[in-house]
Amino acid sequence: MIRVAICRGAFMKRFVEGADRGQSTLLPECLDEWVEESNSVRVVDTFVDALDLADLGFEGVEAAATGRPAYHPSVLLKLYIYGYLKPGAVEPPA
């Protein structure tokens, strides 16, 4: 669901949007094909999507009406968790 706000009669997006993983592109045909079925990022994605972040005390789940659109907390949490699962993804190899 996209959250919007009205500013001077125009609609503004309230969260920075990522690419739709089901959208067709030039190569490969679908962005979802870049990620293997066994990749742990799929587990992280499903897990975080199942959480109710507002009940867990995350701020910013509801978009603010002013200011620059922010990244949704679920996107940031997915990156945070994935970073802990893949230590080499964050730090360069020694």
PDB file of N, CA and C in Angstrom:
ATOM      1  N   MET A   1       0.845  -1.167   0.000  1.00  0.00           N
ATOM      2  CA  MET A   1       0.000   0.000   0.000  1.00  0.00           C
ATOM      3  C   MET A   1       0.895   1.237   0.000  1.00  0.00           C
ATOM      4  N   ILE A   2       0.546   2.192  -0.823  1.00  0.00           N
ATOM      5  CA  ILE A   2       1.303   3.436  -0.923  1.00  0.00           C
ATOM      6  C   ILE A   2       0.598   4.502  -0.106  1.00  0.00           C
ATOM      7  N   ARG A   3       1.343   5.133   0.760  1.00  0.00           N
ATOM      8  CA  ARG A   3       0.784   6.211   1.570  1.00  0.00           C
ATOM      9  C   ARG A   3       1.076   7.527   0.870  1.00  0.00           C
ATOM     10  N   VAL A   4       0.068   8.387   0.787  1.00  0.00           N
ATOM     11  CA  VAL A   4       0.252   9.664   0.119  1.00  0.00           C
ATOM     12  C   VAL A   4      -0.273  10.783   0.995  1.00  0.00           C
ATOM     13  N   ALA A   5       0.193  11.967   0.721  1.00  0.00           N
ATOM     14  CA  ALA A   5      -0.292  13.168   1.388  1.00  0.00           C
ATOM     15  C   ALA A   5      -0.596  14.204   0.319  1.00  0.00           C
ATOM     16  N   ILE A   6      -1.531  15.095   0.609  1.00  0.00           N
ATOM     17  CA  ILE A   6      -1.875  16.138  -0.342  1.00  0.00           C
ATOM     18  C   ILE A   6      -1.189  17.420   0.086  1.00  0.00           C
ATOM     19  N   CYS A   7      -0.445  18.007  -0.832  1.00  0.00           N
ATOM     20  CA  CYS A   7       0.265  19.247  -0.566  1.00  0.00           C
ATOM     21  C   CYS A   7      -0.015  20.198  -1.723  1.00  0.00           C
ATOM     22  N   ARG A   8      -0.683  21.289  -1.446  1.00  0.00           N
ATOM     23  CA  ARG A   8      -1.052  22.266  -2.476  1.00  0.00           C
ATOM     24  C   ARG A   8      -1.823  21.614  -3.606  1.00  0.00           C
ATOM     25  N   GLY A   9      -2.694  20.669  -3.286  1.00  0.00           N
ATOM     26  CA  GLY A   9      -3.534  20.029  -4.282  1.00  0.00           C
ATOM     27  C   GLY A   9      -2.875  18.898  -5.049  1.00  0.00           C
ATOM     28  N   ALA A  10      -1.585  18.639  -4.825  1.00  0.00           N
ATOM     29  CA  ALA A  10      -0.879  17.573  -5.538  1.00  0.00           C
ATOM     30  C   ALA A  10      -0.591  16.426  -4.573  1.00  0.00           C
ATOM     31  N   PHE A  11      -0.585  15.214  -5.100  1.00  0.00           N
ATOM     32  CA  PHE A  11      -0.276  14.055  -4.270  1.00  0.00           C
ATOM     33  C   PHE A  11       1.227  13.870  -4.181  1.00  0.00           C
ATOM     34  N   MET A  12       1.716  13.575  -2.965  1.00  0.00           N
ATOM     35  CA  MET A  12       3.135  13.323  -2.749  1.00  0.00           C
ATOM     36  C   MET A  12       3.288  11.952  -2.104  1.00  0.00           C
ATOM     37  N   LYS A  13       4.250  11.176  -2.554  1.00  0.00           N
ATOM     38  CA  LYS A  13       4.530   9.889  -1.936  1.00  0.00           C
ATOM     39  C   LYS A  13       5.189  10.135  -0.596  1.00  0.00           C
ATOM     40  N   ARG A  14       4.881   9.317   0.406  1.00  0.00           N
ATOM     41  CA  ARG A  14       5.397   9.545   1.740  1.00  0.00           C
ATOM     42  C   ARG A  14       6.484   8.569   2.140  1.00  0.00           C
ATOM     43  N   PHE A  15       6.754   7.541   1.345  1.00  0.00           N
ATOM     44  CA  PHE A  15       7.878   6.643   1.594  1.00  0.00           C
ATOM     45  C   PHE A  15       8.660   6.490   0.301  1.00  0.00           C
ATOM     46  N   VAL A  16       9.966   6.352   0.392  1.00  0.00           N
ATOM     47  CA  VAL A  16      10.786   6.069  -0.780  1.00  0.00           C
ATOM     48  C   VAL A  16      10.450   4.650  -1.224  1.00  0.00           C
ATOM     49  N   GLU A  17      10.151   4.493  -2.486  1.00  0.00           N
ATOM     50  CA  GLU A  17       9.726   3.187  -2.982  1.00  0.00           C
ATOM     51  C   GLU A  17      10.876   2.442  -3.622  1.00  0.00           C
ATOM     52  N   GLY A  18      10.926   1.145  -3.393  1.00  0.00           N
ATOM     53  CA  GLY A  18      11.900   0.293  -4.055  1.00  0.00           C
ATOM     54  C   GLY A  18      11.298  -0.261  -5.332  1.00  0.00           C
ATOM     55  N   ALA A  19      12.100  -0.979  -6.091  1.00  0.00           N
ATOM     56  CA  ALA A  19      11.618  -1.584  -7.328  1.00  0.00           C
ATOM     57  C   ALA A  19      10.724  -2.771  -7.004  1.00  0.00           C
ATOM     58  N   ASP A  20       9.695  -2.957  -7.786  1.00  0.00           N
ATOM     59  CA  ASP A  20       8.807  -4.103  -7.645  1.00  0.00           C
ATOM     60  C   ASP A  20       9.552  -5.341  -8.138  1.00  0.00           C
ATOM     61  N   ARG A  21       9.737  -6.331  -7.263  1.00  0.00           N
ATOM     62  CA  ARG A  21      10.514  -7.512  -7.646  1.00  0.00           C
ATOM     63  C   ARG A  21       9.800  -8.375  -8.673  1.00  0.00           C
ATOM     64  N   GLY A  22       8.523  -8.144  -8.882  1.00  0.00           N
ATOM     65  CA  GLY A  22       7.771  -8.899  -9.887  1.00  0.00           C
ATOM     66  C   GLY A  22       7.689  -8.182 -11.217  1.00  0.00           C
ATOM     67  N   GLN A  23       8.249  -6.977 -11.307  1.00  0.00           N
ATOM     68  CA  GLN A  23       8.175  -6.180 -12.531  1.00  0.00           C
ATOM     69  C   GLN A  23       9.132  -6.721 -13.583  1.00  0.00           C
ATOM     70  N   SER A  24       8.670  -6.795 -14.799  1.00  0.00           N
ATOM     71  CA  SER A  24       9.522  -7.256 -15.897  1.00  0.00           C
ATOM     72  C   SER A  24      10.535  -6.189 -16.259  1.00  0.00           C
ATOM     73  N   THR A  25      11.755  -6.621 -16.549  1.00  0.00           N
ATOM     74  CA  THR A  25      12.829  -5.720 -16.962  1.00  0.00           C
ATOM     75  C   THR A  25      13.493  -6.318 -18.198  1.00  0.00           C
ATOM     76  N   LEU A  26      14.501  -5.643 -18.714  1.00  0.00           N
ATOM     77  CA  LEU A  26      15.173  -6.119 -19.925  1.00  0.00           C
ATOM     78  C   LEU A  26      15.877  -7.453 -19.672  1.00  0.00           C
ATOM     79  N   LEU A  27      16.835  -7.489 -18.749  1.00  0.00           N
ATOM     80  CA  LEU A  27      17.568  -8.715 -18.423  1.00  0.00           C
ATOM     81  C   LEU A  27      17.789  -8.781 -16.931  1.00  0.00           C
ATOM     82  N   PRO A  28      17.499  -9.806 -16.226  1.00  0.00           N
ATOM     83  CA  PRO A  28      16.654 -10.913 -16.625  1.00  0.00           C
ATOM     84  C   PRO A  28      15.211 -10.443 -16.755  1.00  0.00           C
ATOM     85  N   GLU A  29      14.358 -11.314 -17.141  1.00  0.00           N
ATOM     86  CA  GLU A  29      12.979 -10.911 -17.408  1.00  0.00           C
ATOM     87  C   GLU A  29      12.276 -10.391 -16.157  1.00  0.00           C
ATOM     88  N   CYS A  30      12.642 -10.911 -15.003  1.00  0.00           N
ATOM     89  CA  CYS A  30      12.007 -10.501 -13.749  1.00  0.00           C
ATOM     90  C   CYS A  30      13.096 -10.313 -12.682  1.00  0.00           C
ATOM     91  N   LEU A  31      13.019  -9.227 -11.900  1.00  0.00           N
ATOM     92  CA  LEU A  31      14.037  -8.957 -10.877  1.00  0.00           C
ATOM     93  C   LEU A  31      14.132 -10.074  -9.842  1.00  0.00           C
ATOM     94  N   ASP A  32      13.014 -10.769  -9.617  1.00  0.00           N
ATOM     95  CA  ASP A  32      12.992 -11.858  -8.642  1.00  0.00           C
ATOM     96  C   ASP A  32      13.903 -13.012  -9.073  1.00  0.00           C
ATOM     97  N   GLU A  33      14.219 -13.093 -10.361  1.00  0.00           N
ATOM     98  CA  GLU A  33      15.078 -14.165 -10.865  1.00  0.00           C
ATOM     99  C   GLU A  33      16.542 -13.979 -10.476  1.00  0.00           C
ATOM    100  N   TRP A  34      16.914 -12.796 -10.030  1.00  0.00           N
ATOM    101  CA  TRP A  34      18.296 -12.533  -9.627  1.00  0.00           C
ATOM    102  C   TRP A  34      18.635 -13.215  -8.302  1.00  0.00           C
ATOM    103  N   VAL A  35      17.623 -13.490  -7.509  1.00  0.00           N
ATOM    104  CA  VAL A  35      17.832 -14.069  -6.179  1.00  0.00           C
ATOM    105  C   VAL A  35      17.468 -15.548  -6.219  1.00  0.00           C
ATOM    106  N   GLU A  36      18.417 -16.385  -5.816  1.00  0.00           N
ATOM    107  CA  GLU A  36      18.164 -17.833  -5.792  1.00  0.00           C
ATOM    108  C   GLU A  36      17.079 -18.169  -4.785  1.00  0.00           C
ATOM    109  N   GLU A  37      16.385 -19.262  -5.027  1.00  0.00           N
ATOM    110  CA  GLU A  37      15.314 -19.699  -4.119  1.00  0.00           C
ATOM    111  C   GLU A  37      15.839 -20.019  -2.718  1.00  0.00           C
ATOM    112  N   SER A  38      17.085 -20.465  -2.616  1.00  0.00           N
ATOM    113  CA  SER A  38      17.650 -20.862  -1.327  1.00  0.00           C
ATOM    114  C   SER A  38      18.341 -19.702  -0.598  1.00  0.00           C
ATOM    115  N   ASN A  39      18.321 -18.505  -1.150  1.00  0.00           N
ATOM    116  CA  ASN A  39      19.004 -17.365  -0.537  1.00  0.00           C
ATOM    117  C   ASN A  39      18.286 -16.943   0.746  1.00  0.00           C
ATOM    118  N   SER A  40      19.065 -16.641   1.776  1.00  0.00           N
ATOM    119  CA  SER A  40      18.485 -16.271   3.072  1.00  0.00           C
ATOM    120  C   SER A  40      17.740 -14.945   3.036  1.00  0.00           C
ATOM    121  N   VAL A  41      17.970 -14.136   2.021  1.00  0.00           N
ATOM    122  CA  VAL A  41      17.255 -12.861   1.929  1.00  0.00           C
ATOM    123  C   VAL A  41      15.751 -13.096   1.761  1.00  0.00           C
ATOM    124  N   ARG A  42      15.368 -14.222   1.185  1.00  0.00           N
ATOM    125  CA  ARG A  42      13.941 -14.530   1.044  1.00  0.00           C
ATOM    126  C   ARG A  42      13.297 -14.801   2.403  1.00  0.00           C
ATOM    127  N   VAL A  43      14.027 -15.454   3.293  1.00  0.00           N
ATOM    128  CA  VAL A  43      13.515 -15.711   4.642  1.00  0.00           C
ATOM    129  C   VAL A  43      13.371 -14.402   5.405  1.00  0.00           C
ATOM    130  N   VAL A  44      14.374 -13.547   5.312  1.00  0.00           N
ATOM    131  CA  VAL A  44      14.336 -12.254   5.991  1.00  0.00           C
ATOM    132  C   VAL A  44      13.162 -11.429   5.477  1.00  0.00           C
ATOM    133  N   ASP A  45      12.965 -11.407   4.170  1.00  0.00           N
ATOM    134  CA  ASP A  45      11.878 -10.649   3.557  1.00  0.00           C
ATOM    135  C   ASP A  45      10.516 -11.125   4.063  1.00  0.00           C
ATOM    136  N   THR A  46      10.298 -12.424   4.063  1.00  0.00           N
ATOM    137  CA  THR A  46       9.033 -12.987   4.521  1.00  0.00           C
ATOM    138  C   THR A  46       8.829 -12.757   6.009  1.00  0.00           C
ATOM    139  N   PHE A  47       9.886 -12.929   6.797  1.00  0.00           N
ATOM    140  CA  PHE A  47       9.796 -12.753   8.239  1.00  0.00           C
ATOM    141  C   PHE A  47       9.412 -11.316   8.611  1.00  0.00           C
ATOM    142  N   VAL A  48      10.103 -10.347   8.058  1.00  0.00           N
ATOM    143  CA  VAL A  48       9.840  -8.949   8.411  1.00  0.00           C
ATOM    144  C   VAL A  48       8.466  -8.509   7.909  1.00  0.00           C
ATOM    145  N   ASP A  49       8.055  -8.988   6.732  1.00  0.00           N
ATOM    146  CA  ASP A  49       6.722  -8.649   6.230  1.00  0.00           C
ATOM    147  C   ASP A  49       5.615  -9.177   7.130  1.00  0.00           C
ATOM    148  N   ALA A  50       5.878 -10.268   7.864  1.00  0.00           N
ATOM    149  CA  ALA A  50       4.873 -10.846   8.753  1.00  0.00           C
ATOM    150  C   ALA A  50       4.780 -10.111  10.092  1.00  0.00           C
ATOM    151  N   LEU A  51       5.764  -9.272  10.411  1.00  0.00           N
ATOM    152  CA  LEU A  51       5.763  -8.551  11.680  1.00  0.00           C
ATOM    153  C   LEU A  51       4.845  -7.334  11.638  1.00  0.00           C
ATOM    154  N   ASP A  52       4.236  -7.021  12.774  1.00  0.00           N
ATOM    155  CA  ASP A  52       3.490  -5.772  12.922  1.00  0.00           C
ATOM    156  C   ASP A  52       4.435  -4.797  13.623  1.00  0.00           C
ATOM    157  N   LEU A  53       5.108  -3.986  12.830  1.00  0.00           N
ATOM    158  CA  LEU A  53       6.162  -3.122  13.366  1.00  0.00           C
ATOM    159  C   LEU A  53       5.618  -2.072  14.324  1.00  0.00           C
ATOM    160  N   ALA A  54       4.414  -1.615  14.118  1.00  0.00           N
ATOM    161  CA  ALA A  54       3.824  -0.619  15.020  1.00  0.00           C
ATOM    162  C   ALA A  54       3.624  -1.217  16.416  1.00  0.00           C
ATOM    163  N   ASP A  55       3.160  -2.464  16.481  1.00  0.00           N
ATOM    164  CA  ASP A  55       2.982  -3.126  17.776  1.00  0.00           C
ATOM    165  C   ASP A  55       4.315  -3.404  18.466  1.00  0.00           C
ATOM    166  N   LEU A  56       5.377  -3.530  17.697  1.00  0.00           N
ATOM    167  CA  LEU A  56       6.703  -3.790  18.263  1.00  0.00           C
ATOM    168  C   LEU A  56       7.416  -2.514  18.695  1.00  0.00           C
ATOM    169  N   GLY A  57       6.776  -1.363  18.479  1.00  0.00           N
ATOM    170  CA  GLY A  57       7.333  -0.102  18.950  1.00  0.00           C
ATOM    171  C   GLY A  57       8.184   0.647  17.951  1.00  0.00           C
ATOM    172  N   PHE A  58       8.158   0.238  16.679  1.00  0.00           N
ATOM    173  CA  PHE A  58       8.927   0.952  15.667  1.00  0.00           C
ATOM    174  C   PHE A  58       8.250   2.281  15.366  1.00  0.00           C
ATOM    175  N   GLU A  59       9.063   3.334  15.289  1.00  0.00           N
ATOM    176  CA  GLU A  59       8.535   4.641  14.931  1.00  0.00           C
ATOM    177  C   GLU A  59       8.611   4.815  13.423  1.00  0.00           C
ATOM    178  N   GLY A  60       7.750   5.653  12.875  1.00  0.00           N
ATOM    179  CA  GLY A  60       7.792   5.952  11.454  1.00  0.00           C
ATOM    180  C   GLY A  60       7.059   4.966  10.582  1.00  0.00           C
ATOM    181  N   VAL A  61       6.290   4.049  11.195  1.00  0.00           N
ATOM    182  CA  VAL A  61       5.523   3.094  10.399  1.00  0.00           C
ATOM    183  C   VAL A  61       4.436   3.824   9.619  1.00  0.00           C
ATOM    184  N   GLU A  62       3.834   4.813  10.253  1.00  0.00           N
ATOM    185  CA  GLU A  62       2.883   5.685   9.565  1.00  0.00           C
ATOM    186  C   GLU A  62       3.667   6.870   9.022  1.00  0.00           C
ATOM    187  N   ALA A  63       3.479   7.156   7.762  1.00  0.00           N
ATOM    188  CA  ALA A  63       4.248   8.213   7.108  1.00  0.00           C
ATOM    189  C   ALA A  63       3.901   9.582   7.675  1.00  0.00           C
ATOM    190  N   ALA A  64       4.921  10.422   7.810  1.00  0.00           N
ATOM    191  CA  ALA A  64       4.715  11.795   8.253  1.00  0.00           C
ATOM    192  C   ALA A  64       4.143  12.596   7.090  1.00  0.00           C
ATOM    193  N   ALA A  65       3.391  13.638   7.416  1.00  0.00           N
ATOM    194  CA  ALA A  65       2.751  14.450   6.379  1.00  0.00           C
ATOM    195  C   ALA A  65       3.695  15.501   5.805  1.00  0.00           C
ATOM    196  N   THR A  66       4.830  15.717   6.451  1.00  0.00           N
ATOM    197  CA  THR A  66       5.748  16.754   5.986  1.00  0.00           C
ATOM    198  C   THR A  66       7.146  16.198   5.823  1.00  0.00           C
ATOM    199  N   GLY A  67       7.978  16.963   5.158  1.00  0.00           N
ATOM    200  CA  GLY A  67       9.377  16.571   5.008  1.00  0.00           C
ATOM    201  C   GLY A  67       9.608  15.623   3.852  1.00  0.00           C
ATOM    202  N   ARG A  68      10.856  15.230   3.697  1.00  0.00           N
ATOM    203  CA  ARG A  68      11.242  14.325   2.624  1.00  0.00           C
ATOM    204  C   ARG A  68      10.709  12.928   2.917  1.00  0.00           C
ATOM    205  N   PRO A  69      10.244  12.201   1.881  1.00  0.00           N
ATOM    206  CA  PRO A  69       9.790  10.829   2.106  1.00  0.00           C
ATOM    207  C   PRO A  69      10.926   9.971   2.679  1.00  0.00           C
ATOM    208  N   ALA A  70      10.599   9.148   3.636  1.00  0.00           N
ATOM    209  CA  ALA A  70      11.587   8.301   4.304  1.00  0.00           C
ATOM    210  C   ALA A  70      11.522   6.880   3.765  1.00  0.00           C
ATOM    211  N   TYR A  71      12.533   6.093   4.092  1.00  0.00           N
ATOM    212  CA  TYR A  71      12.466   4.664   3.820  1.00  0.00           C
ATOM    213  C   TYR A  71      11.570   4.040   4.877  1.00  0.00           C
ATOM    214  N   HIS A  72      10.743   3.092   4.467  1.00  0.00           N
ATOM    215  CA  HIS A  72       9.859   2.435   5.423  1.00  0.00           C
ATOM    216  C   HIS A  72      10.712   1.633   6.407  1.00  0.00           C
ATOM    217  N   PRO A  73      10.340   1.625   7.688  1.00  0.00           N
ATOM    218  CA  PRO A  73      11.125   0.890   8.688  1.00  0.00           C
ATOM    219  C   PRO A  73      11.307  -0.591   8.351  1.00  0.00           C
ATOM    220  N   SER A  74      10.365  -1.208   7.648  1.00  0.00           N
ATOM    221  CA  SER A  74      10.521  -2.623   7.300  1.00  0.00           C
ATOM    222  C   SER A  74      11.694  -2.828   6.342  1.00  0.00           C
ATOM    223  N   VAL A  75      11.907  -1.897   5.427  1.00  0.00           N
ATOM    224  CA  VAL A  75      13.039  -1.996   4.498  1.00  0.00           C
ATOM    225  C   VAL A  75      14.354  -1.901   5.266  1.00  0.00           C
ATOM    226  N   LEU A  76      14.432  -0.952   6.198  1.00  0.00           N
ATOM    227  CA  LEU A  76      15.657  -0.783   6.986  1.00  0.00           C
ATOM    228  C   LEU A  76      15.910  -1.980   7.901  1.00  0.00           C
ATOM    229  N   LEU A  77      14.851  -2.546   8.471  1.00  0.00           N
ATOM    230  CA  LEU A  77      14.994  -3.723   9.330  1.00  0.00           C
ATOM    231  C   LEU A  77      15.486  -4.923   8.522  1.00  0.00           C
ATOM    232  N   LYS A  78      14.991  -5.077   7.309  1.00  0.00           N
ATOM    233  CA  LYS A  78      15.443  -6.176   6.454  1.00  0.00           C
ATOM    234  C   LYS A  78      16.941  -6.054   6.173  1.00  0.00           C
ATOM    235  N   LEU A  79      17.397  -4.848   5.873  1.00  0.00           N
ATOM    236  CA  LEU A  79      18.829  -4.637   5.632  1.00  0.00           C
ATOM    237  C   LEU A  79      19.656  -4.920   6.880  1.00  0.00           C
ATOM    238  N   TYR A  80      19.156  -4.484   8.025  1.00  0.00           N
ATOM    239  CA  TYR A  80      19.851  -4.678   9.301  1.00  0.00           C
ATOM    240  C   TYR A  80      20.003  -6.173   9.610  1.00  0.00           C
ATOM    241  N   ILE A  81      18.917  -6.921   9.491  1.00  0.00           N
ATOM    242  CA  ILE A  81      18.948  -8.363   9.777  1.00  0.00           C
ATOM    243  C   ILE A  81      19.848  -9.077   8.778  1.00  0.00           C
ATOM    244  N   TYR A  82      19.710  -8.748   7.505  1.00  0.00           N
ATOM    245  CA  TYR A  82      20.531  -9.401   6.487  1.00  0.00           C
ATOM    246  C   TYR A  82      22.016  -9.124   6.708  1.00  0.00           C
ATOM    247  N   GLY A  83      22.333  -7.918   7.173  1.00  0.00           N
ATOM    248  CA  GLY A  83      23.717  -7.583   7.480  1.00  0.00           C
ATOM    249  C   GLY A  83      24.303  -8.453   8.580  1.00  0.00           C
ATOM    250  N   TYR A  84      23.480  -8.808   9.573  1.00  0.00           N
ATOM    251  CA  TYR A  84      23.953  -9.698  10.634  1.00  0.00           C
ATOM    252  C   TYR A  84      24.090 -11.134  10.152  1.00  0.00           C
ATOM    253  N   LEU A  85      23.240 -11.541   9.213  1.00  0.00           N
ATOM    254  CA  LEU A  85      23.333 -12.904   8.691  1.00  0.00           C
ATOM    255  C   LEU A  85      24.515 -13.080   7.752  1.00  0.00           C
ATOM    256  N   LYS A  86      24.909 -12.002   7.094  1.00  0.00           N
ATOM    257  CA  LYS A  86      25.995 -12.043   6.123  1.00  0.00           C
ATOM    258  C   LYS A  86      27.077 -11.051   6.523  1.00  0.00           C
ATOM    259  N   PRO A  87      27.915 -11.394   7.499  1.00  0.00           N
ATOM    260  CA  PRO A  87      28.931 -10.449   7.963  1.00  0.00           C
ATOM    261  C   PRO A  87      29.861  -9.983   6.852  1.00  0.00           C
ATOM    262  N   GLY A  88      30.179 -10.815   5.891  1.00  0.00           N
ATOM    263  CA  GLY A  88      31.055 -10.431   4.803  1.00  0.00           C
ATOM    264  C   GLY A  88      30.418  -9.417   3.856  1.00  0.00           C
ATOM    265  N   ALA A  89      29.088  -9.315   3.899  1.00  0.00           N
ATOM    266  CA  ALA A  89      28.393  -8.369   3.019  1.00  0.00           C
ATOM    267  C   ALA A  89      28.587  -6.942   3.492  1.00  0.00           C
ATOM    268  N   VAL A  90      28.888  -6.749   4.772  1.00  0.00           N
ATOM    269  CA  VAL A  90      29.043  -5.411   5.323  1.00  0.00           C
ATOM    270  C   VAL A  90      30.500  -4.999   5.369  1.00  0.00           C
ATOM    271  N   GLU A  91      31.371  -5.897   5.770  1.00  0.00           N
ATOM    272  CA  GLU A  91      32.795  -5.593   5.904  1.00  0.00           C
ATOM    273  C   GLU A  91      33.558  -6.218   4.742  1.00  0.00           C
ATOM    274  N   PRO A  92      34.551  -5.516   4.211  1.00  0.00           N
ATOM    275  CA  PRO A  92      35.364  -6.112   3.148  1.00  0.00           C
ATOM    276  C   PRO A  92      36.177  -7.291   3.692  1.00  0.00           C
ATOM    277  N   PRO A  93      36.425  -8.312   2.883  1.00  0.00           N
ATOM    278  CA  PRO A  93      37.216  -9.446   3.358  1.00  0.00           C
ATOM    279  C   PRO A  93      38.628  -9.027   3.723  1.00  0.00           C
ATOM    280  N   ALA A  94      39.183  -9.664   4.736  1.00  0.00           N
ATOM    281  CA  ALA A  94      40.531  -9.318   5.214  1.00  0.00           C
ATOM    282  C   ALA A  94      41.594  -9.859   4.307  1.00  0.00           C
TER     283      ALA A  94
END
